[in-house]
Amino acid sequence: MPPAGPVGLDKKLGIRCLSFVIRDLSGVCTVLEEKGVEFTVPKTQVLPDTRIAMVKDPDGNIIEFVERG
């Protein structure tokens, strides 16, 4: 019998995405790029006053950074 409750598309339970609201997306992205972090979604304007960027941690979890103007 499958586990109860919602399951992600990859059928793994647990947190798969963690999101942080920050004030300086460009600054955070610059520091991460200098450390060799690869972005799955580079700095992107999603709404007139909202930008995002996403990376994957070593375990494959998605880390999202959100800047709201």
C-alpha atoms as a PDB file:
ATOM      1  CA  MET A   1       0.000   0.000   0.000  1.00  0.00           C
ATOM      2  CA  PRO A   2       1.449   3.455  -0.917  1.00  0.00           C
ATOM      3  CA  PRO A   3       2.210   5.969   1.843  1.00  0.00           C
ATOM      4  CA  ALA A   4      -0.585   8.304   2.880  1.00  0.00           C
ATOM      5  CA  GLY A   5      -0.410  12.016   2.088  1.00  0.00           C
ATOM      6  CA  PRO A   6       0.982  14.031  -0.814  1.00  0.00           C
ATOM      7  CA  VAL A   7       4.118  12.804  -2.518  1.00  0.00           C
ATOM      8  CA  GLY A   8       6.330  14.698  -4.976  1.00  0.00           C
ATOM      9  CA  LEU A   9       6.701  13.641  -8.590  1.00  0.00           C
ATOM     10  CA  ASP A  10       9.884  11.775  -7.714  1.00  0.00           C
ATOM     11  CA  LYS A  11       7.967   9.749  -5.093  1.00  0.00           C
ATOM     12  CA  LYS A  12      10.272  10.809  -2.250  1.00  0.00           C
ATOM     13  CA  LEU A  13       8.898  12.069   1.039  1.00  0.00           C
ATOM     14  CA  GLY A  14      10.332  15.115   2.794  1.00  0.00           C
ATOM     15  CA  ILE A  15      11.300  18.658   1.952  1.00  0.00           C
ATOM     16  CA  ARG A  16      12.466  19.041  -1.640  1.00  0.00           C
ATOM     17  CA  CYS A  17      12.504  22.859  -1.895  1.00  0.00           C
ATOM     18  CA  LEU A  18      13.483  25.534   0.589  1.00  0.00           C
ATOM     19  CA  SER A  19      12.842  29.200  -0.137  1.00  0.00           C
ATOM     20  CA  PHE A  20      14.481  32.287   1.385  1.00  0.00           C
ATOM     21  CA  VAL A  21      13.234  35.853   0.965  1.00  0.00           C
ATOM     22  CA  ILE A  22      16.285  38.119   0.778  1.00  0.00           C
ATOM     23  CA  ARG A  23      17.026  41.815   0.163  1.00  0.00           C
ATOM     24  CA  ASP A  24      19.980  41.623  -2.247  1.00  0.00           C
ATOM     25  CA  LEU A  25      19.580  38.868  -4.831  1.00  0.00           C
ATOM     26  CA  SER A  26      22.433  40.168  -6.988  1.00  0.00           C
ATOM     27  CA  GLY A  27      24.822  40.176  -4.030  1.00  0.00           C
ATOM     28  CA  VAL A  28      23.866  36.665  -2.930  1.00  0.00           C
ATOM     29  CA  CYS A  29      24.184  35.346  -6.488  1.00  0.00           C
ATOM     30  CA  THR A  30      27.613  36.968  -6.877  1.00  0.00           C
ATOM     31  CA  VAL A  31      28.908  35.303  -3.692  1.00  0.00           C
ATOM     32  CA  LEU A  32      27.481  31.910  -4.711  1.00  0.00           C
ATOM     33  CA  GLU A  33      28.922  32.180  -8.245  1.00  0.00           C
ATOM     34  CA  GLU A  34      32.361  33.030  -6.780  1.00  0.00           C
ATOM     35  CA  LYS A  35      32.133  29.820  -4.734  1.00  0.00           C
ATOM     36  CA  GLY A  36      31.357  27.774  -7.862  1.00  0.00           C
ATOM     37  CA  VAL A  37      27.651  27.195  -7.222  1.00  0.00           C
ATOM     38  CA  GLU A  38      25.716  26.442 -10.423  1.00  0.00           C
ATOM     39  CA  PHE A  39      22.249  27.912 -10.795  1.00  0.00           C
ATOM     40  CA  THR A  40      19.345  25.824 -12.090  1.00  0.00           C
ATOM     41  CA  VAL A  41      17.425  29.087 -12.562  1.00  0.00           C
ATOM     42  CA  PRO A  42      19.591  32.201 -12.838  1.00  0.00           C
ATOM     43  CA  LYS A  43      18.342  35.617 -11.678  1.00  0.00           C
ATOM     44  CA  THR A  44      14.903  35.869 -13.272  1.00  0.00           C
ATOM     45  CA  GLN A  45      12.203  38.541 -13.114  1.00  0.00           C
ATOM     46  CA  VAL A  46       8.949  36.694 -12.359  1.00  0.00           C
ATOM     47  CA  LEU A  47       6.749  39.684 -11.477  1.00  0.00           C
ATOM     48  CA  PRO A  48       7.352  43.431 -11.805  1.00  0.00           C
ATOM     49  CA  ASP A  49       8.655  43.568  -8.223  1.00  0.00           C
ATOM     50  CA  THR A  50       9.901  39.989  -7.694  1.00  0.00           C
ATOM     51  CA  ARG A  51      13.086  38.235  -8.832  1.00  0.00           C
ATOM     52  CA  ILE A  52      14.181  34.669  -8.089  1.00  0.00           C
ATOM     53  CA  ALA A  53      17.221  32.428  -8.461  1.00  0.00           C
ATOM     54  CA  MET A  54      17.468  28.701  -7.745  1.00  0.00           C
ATOM     55  CA  VAL A  55      20.277  26.255  -7.008  1.00  0.00           C
ATOM     56  CA  LYS A  56      20.439  22.595  -5.983  1.00  0.00           C
ATOM     57  CA  ASP A  57      22.223  21.517  -2.837  1.00  0.00           C
ATOM     58  CA  PRO A  58      24.516  18.441  -2.843  1.00  0.00           C
ATOM     59  CA  ASP A  59      21.520  16.195  -2.053  1.00  0.00           C
ATOM     60  CA  GLY A  60      19.505  17.542  -4.999  1.00  0.00           C
ATOM     61  CA  ASN A  61      17.143  19.714  -2.942  1.00  0.00           C
ATOM     62  CA  ILE A  62      16.122  22.989  -4.551  1.00  0.00           C
ATOM     63  CA  ILE A  63      17.127  26.193  -2.768  1.00  0.00           C
ATOM     64  CA  GLU A  64      15.199  29.240  -3.969  1.00  0.00           C
ATOM     65  CA  PHE A  65      16.158  32.852  -3.280  1.00  0.00           C
ATOM     66  CA  VAL A  66      13.402  35.466  -3.668  1.00  0.00           C
ATOM     67  CA  GLU A  67      13.799  39.244  -3.729  1.00  0.00           C
ATOM     68  CA  ARG A  68      10.682  41.374  -3.568  1.00  0.00           C
ATOM     69  CA  GLY A  69      10.901  45.057  -4.420  1.00  0.00           C
END
